[in-house]
Amino acid sequence: MNKGDLINKIADGANLSKAQASDALDSVLGSISGALKKGDKVTLIGFGTFSVSKRAARTGRNPQTGKTIQIAAKQVIKFKAGKSLVDSVN
């Protein structure tokens, strides 16, 4: 499923136009993104939890040349699926 398919499902399920469903989805994704940028944790009960974690700088190896390279530290987004989501898949 891609974003267009999801917008169609939201529009059908909530009896909205596709434009309204697209605006609603963009608003939700923007809110989640904004909270993660601030370092907050986003928990959607029954769906899962988004959080931000710091990954330390480390050395790596270029697979083509074999040279050692430095990989910069960065923040990564983690997602842990909720129990209801896991149960619905299994």
C-alpha atoms as a PDB file:
ATOM      1  CA  MET A   1       0.000   0.000   0.000  1.00  0.00           C
ATOM      2  CA  ASN A   2       1.303   3.443  -0.894  1.00  0.00           C
ATOM      3  CA  LYS A   3       0.213   6.915   0.223  1.00  0.00           C
ATOM      4  CA  GLY A   4      -2.403   7.201  -2.545  1.00  0.00           C
ATOM      5  CA  ASP A   5      -3.962   3.884  -1.564  1.00  0.00           C
ATOM      6  CA  LEU A   6      -4.044   4.959   2.077  1.00  0.00           C
ATOM      7  CA  ILE A   7      -5.732   8.249   1.161  1.00  0.00           C
ATOM      8  CA  ASN A   8      -8.390   6.310  -0.774  1.00  0.00           C
ATOM      9  CA  LYS A   9      -9.007   4.010   2.227  1.00  0.00           C
ATOM     10  CA  ILE A  10      -9.302   6.995   4.590  1.00  0.00           C
ATOM     11  CA  ALA A  11     -11.681   8.772   2.214  1.00  0.00           C
ATOM     12  CA  ASP A  12     -13.903   5.699   1.891  1.00  0.00           C
ATOM     13  CA  GLY A  13     -13.816   4.762   5.585  1.00  0.00           C
ATOM     14  CA  ALA A  14     -14.464   8.263   6.963  1.00  0.00           C
ATOM     15  CA  ASN A  15     -16.817   9.427   4.191  1.00  0.00           C
ATOM     16  CA  LEU A  16     -14.462  12.269   3.186  1.00  0.00           C
ATOM     17  CA  SER A  17     -13.341  13.604  -0.162  1.00  0.00           C
ATOM     18  CA  LYS A  18      -9.890  12.546  -1.325  1.00  0.00           C
ATOM     19  CA  ALA A  19      -8.629  16.109  -0.811  1.00  0.00           C
ATOM     20  CA  GLN A  20      -9.880  16.138   2.792  1.00  0.00           C
ATOM     21  CA  ALA A  21      -8.394  12.698   3.446  1.00  0.00           C
ATOM     22  CA  SER A  22      -5.073  13.841   1.975  1.00  0.00           C
ATOM     23  CA  ASP A  23      -5.074  16.944   4.197  1.00  0.00           C
ATOM     24  CA  ALA A  24      -5.913  14.824   7.258  1.00  0.00           C
ATOM     25  CA  LEU A  25      -3.119  12.335   6.531  1.00  0.00           C
ATOM     26  CA  ASP A  26      -0.601  15.136   5.893  1.00  0.00           C
ATOM     27  CA  SER A  27      -1.622  16.751   9.185  1.00  0.00           C
ATOM     28  CA  VAL A  28      -1.145  13.507  11.131  1.00  0.00           C
ATOM     29  CA  LEU A  29       2.232  12.790   9.547  1.00  0.00           C
ATOM     30  CA  GLY A  30       3.352  16.381  10.078  1.00  0.00           C
ATOM     31  CA  SER A  31       2.358  16.244  13.740  1.00  0.00           C
ATOM     32  CA  ILE A  32       4.266  12.986  14.267  1.00  0.00           C
ATOM     33  CA  SER A  33       7.306  14.387  12.456  1.00  0.00           C
ATOM     34  CA  GLY A  34       7.223  17.589  14.487  1.00  0.00           C
ATOM     35  CA  ALA A  35       7.022  15.731  17.781  1.00  0.00           C
ATOM     36  CA  LEU A  36       9.940  13.483  16.811  1.00  0.00           C
ATOM     37  CA  LYS A  37      12.035  16.515  15.797  1.00  0.00           C
ATOM     38  CA  LYS A  38      11.534  17.891  19.317  1.00  0.00           C
ATOM     39  CA  GLY A  39      12.667  14.550  20.768  1.00  0.00           C
ATOM     40  CA  ASP A  40       9.223  13.524  22.024  1.00  0.00           C
ATOM     41  CA  LYS A  41       7.863  10.001  21.917  1.00  0.00           C
ATOM     42  CA  VAL A  42       4.622   9.450  19.944  1.00  0.00           C
ATOM     43  CA  THR A  43       2.387   6.643  21.208  1.00  0.00           C
ATOM     44  CA  LEU A  44      -0.704   5.548  19.293  1.00  0.00           C
ATOM     45  CA  ILE A  45      -2.458   3.084  21.582  1.00  0.00           C
ATOM     46  CA  GLY A  46      -3.091  -0.180  19.758  1.00  0.00           C
ATOM     47  CA  PHE A  47      -0.849   0.793  16.837  1.00  0.00           C
ATOM     48  CA  GLY A  48       2.638   1.472  18.143  1.00  0.00           C
ATOM     49  CA  THR A  49       5.224   3.899  19.434  1.00  0.00           C
ATOM     50  CA  PHE A  50       7.599   6.138  17.486  1.00  0.00           C
ATOM     51  CA  SER A  51      10.731   7.358  19.258  1.00  0.00           C
ATOM     52  CA  VAL A  52      14.074   8.969  18.468  1.00  0.00           C
ATOM     53  CA  SER A  53      17.383   7.379  19.449  1.00  0.00           C
ATOM     54  CA  LYS A  54      20.943   8.633  19.058  1.00  0.00           C
ATOM     55  CA  ARG A  55      23.403   6.560  17.066  1.00  0.00           C
ATOM     56  CA  ALA A  56      27.043   7.232  17.985  1.00  0.00           C
ATOM     57  CA  ALA A  57      29.744   7.976  15.430  1.00  0.00           C
ATOM     58  CA  ARG A  58      31.595   4.895  14.269  1.00  0.00           C
ATOM     59  CA  THR A  59      34.071   3.646  11.709  1.00  0.00           C
ATOM     60  CA  GLY A  60      32.936   1.667   8.709  1.00  0.00           C
ATOM     61  CA  ARG A  61      34.412   0.175   5.586  1.00  0.00           C
ATOM     62  CA  ASN A  62      33.753   1.113   1.982  1.00  0.00           C
ATOM     63  CA  PRO A  63      32.814  -2.239   0.376  1.00  0.00           C
ATOM     64  CA  GLN A  64      34.203  -1.272  -3.043  1.00  0.00           C
ATOM     65  CA  THR A  65      37.630  -0.027  -1.992  1.00  0.00           C
ATOM     66  CA  GLY A  66      38.038  -1.586   1.438  1.00  0.00           C
ATOM     67  CA  LYS A  67      39.052   1.803   2.884  1.00  0.00           C
ATOM     68  CA  THR A  68      38.073   2.696   6.420  1.00  0.00           C
ATOM     69  CA  ILE A  69      35.632   5.620   6.639  1.00  0.00           C
ATOM     70  CA  GLN A  70      34.116   7.637   9.475  1.00  0.00           C
ATOM     71  CA  ILE A  71      30.335   7.449   9.807  1.00  0.00           C
ATOM     72  CA  ALA A  72      28.889  10.504  11.550  1.00  0.00           C
ATOM     73  CA  ALA A  73      26.653  10.353  14.601  1.00  0.00           C
ATOM     74  CA  LYS A  74      22.964  10.871  13.898  1.00  0.00           C
ATOM     75  CA  GLN A  75      19.499  10.466  15.298  1.00  0.00           C
ATOM     76  CA  VAL A  76      17.394   7.560  14.074  1.00  0.00           C
ATOM     77  CA  ILE A  77      13.674   6.922  14.311  1.00  0.00           C
ATOM     78  CA  LYS A  78      12.505   3.704  15.934  1.00  0.00           C
ATOM     79  CA  PHE A  79       9.053   2.118  15.769  1.00  0.00           C
ATOM     80  CA  LYS A  80       7.749  -0.521  18.150  1.00  0.00           C
ATOM     81  CA  ALA A  81       4.494  -2.133  17.070  1.00  0.00           C
ATOM     82  CA  GLY A  82       1.675  -2.241  19.625  1.00  0.00           C
ATOM     83  CA  LYS A  83       0.079  -5.453  20.844  1.00  0.00           C
ATOM     84  CA  SER A  84      -3.159  -4.932  18.882  1.00  0.00           C
ATOM     85  CA  LEU A  85      -1.231  -4.416  15.630  1.00  0.00           C
ATOM     86  CA  VAL A  86       0.927  -7.485  16.243  1.00  0.00           C
ATOM     87  CA  ASP A  87      -2.122  -9.599  17.116  1.00  0.00           C
ATOM     88  CA  SER A  88      -3.995  -8.454  13.994  1.00  0.00           C
ATOM     89  CA  VAL A  89      -1.116  -9.611  11.778  1.00  0.00           C
ATOM     90  CA  ASN A  90      -0.649 -13.004  13.446  1.00  0.00           C
END
